[in-house]
Amino acid sequence: MVTAAMALRVDESVSRHTKKIAMQIRVLFFGVLKDLVGCSSETLQLADGARLDAVLQHYSRQTPRMAAMLPSLALSVNQEYVT
C-alpha cells in the first residue's frame, strides 16, 4: 500500500565555477512525506549520473523516519513511475 509519494524532475546544468556537469533535481513531496519533511518541494544539486538511490539516501539521513517508509513510497522520475 502506498502511503506517500515523491516525484523528481531532473535538469542538467553546468557549474560556471568548476565547469563540471551537475544534475539539479526538483523533489516534490506528497501526503505524509510533505508533513514529515516540512515542505512540498526542494531542489537538490547532485553529481552527473547520480541515481535515485542517492536521493533516497539523502532524505533518509536528513529525515530518519523516511527510511522506514521507503518500501511503501510511490516514486516517479520525470513524470514516470519507477520501482
Protein backbone atom coordinates (compact mmCIF):
# COMPACT_ATOMS: atom_id res chain seq x y z
CA MET A 1 0.00 0.00 0.00
CA VAL A 2 1.33 3.43 -0.95
CA THR A 3 1.30 5.90 1.94
CA ALA A 4 3.13 8.79 0.30
CA ALA A 5 4.75 9.83 -2.95
CA MET A 6 7.88 11.58 -4.13
CA ALA A 7 8.39 12.95 -7.63
CA LEU A 8 11.70 14.05 -9.15
CA ARG A 9 12.34 16.33 -12.10
CA VAL A 10 15.89 16.22 -13.48
CA ASP A 11 17.54 19.21 -15.15
CA GLU A 12 21.19 19.09 -16.16
CA SER A 13 23.20 22.22 -15.55
CA VAL A 14 26.83 23.25 -15.86
CA SER A 15 28.57 24.88 -12.90
CA ARG A 16 30.21 28.11 -14.03
CA HIS A 17 32.85 27.84 -11.32
CA THR A 18 34.04 24.26 -11.79
CA LYS A 19 32.89 23.50 -15.35
CA LYS A 20 31.50 20.21 -14.06
CA ILE A 21 28.14 18.96 -15.20
CA ALA A 22 25.72 18.52 -12.32
CA MET A 23 22.14 17.50 -12.10
CA GLN A 24 19.71 19.82 -10.46
CA ILE A 25 16.61 17.98 -9.40
CA ARG A 26 13.35 19.23 -8.03
CA VAL A 27 11.88 16.90 -5.45
CA LEU A 28 8.14 17.11 -4.84
CA PHE A 29 6.64 15.64 -1.68
CA PHE A 30 3.06 14.47 -1.29
CA GLY A 31 0.94 13.08 1.52
CA VAL A 32 2.72 12.09 4.71
CA LEU A 33 6.14 12.99 3.23
CA LYS A 34 5.09 16.59 2.82
CA ASP A 35 4.32 16.76 6.54
CA LEU A 36 7.40 14.77 7.53
CA VAL A 37 9.86 16.87 5.51
CA GLY A 38 8.04 20.11 6.26
CA CYS A 39 7.72 21.40 2.70
CA SER A 40 6.10 20.48 -0.59
CA SER A 41 9.28 20.70 -2.73
CA GLU A 42 13.05 21.15 -2.65
CA THR A 43 15.84 21.49 -5.18
CA LEU A 44 19.00 19.35 -4.88
CA GLN A 45 22.30 19.51 -6.74
CA LEU A 46 23.75 16.06 -7.46
CA ALA A 47 26.76 14.82 -9.37
CA ASP A 48 26.12 14.00 -13.00
CA GLY A 49 24.87 10.45 -13.32
CA ALA A 50 23.58 10.23 -9.74
CA ARG A 51 20.82 7.68 -9.34
CA LEU A 52 17.56 7.62 -7.43
CA ASP A 53 19.33 5.79 -4.58
CA ALA A 54 21.40 8.93 -3.91
CA VAL A 55 18.24 10.98 -3.43
CA LEU A 56 16.65 8.37 -1.18
CA GLN A 57 19.81 8.10 0.92
CA HIS A 58 19.97 11.89 1.25
CA TYR A 59 16.43 12.11 2.60
CA SER A 60 16.81 9.01 4.77
CA ARG A 61 19.77 10.70 6.50
CA GLN A 62 18.00 14.07 6.71
CA THR A 63 14.69 12.58 7.88
CA PRO A 64 15.32 9.21 9.54
CA ARG A 65 11.61 8.33 9.74
CA MET A 66 11.54 8.33 5.94
CA ALA A 67 13.86 5.31 5.78
CA ALA A 68 11.15 3.12 7.30
CA MET A 69 8.67 4.38 4.70
CA LEU A 70 10.79 3.58 1.62
CA PRO A 71 9.07 0.26 0.83
CA SER A 72 5.68 1.97 0.67
CA LEU A 73 6.60 5.06 -1.35
CA ALA A 74 5.42 5.76 -4.87
CA LEU A 75 8.34 7.30 -6.80
CA SER A 76 8.41 9.00 -10.17
CA VAL A 77 11.22 10.47 -12.25
CA ASN A 78 10.26 12.97 -14.94
CA GLN A 79 6.60 12.00 -14.53
CA GLU A 80 7.20 8.24 -14.96
CA TYR A 81 6.73 5.89 -12.03
CA VAL A 82 9.75 3.82 -11.05
CA THR A 83 10.05 0.66 -8.98
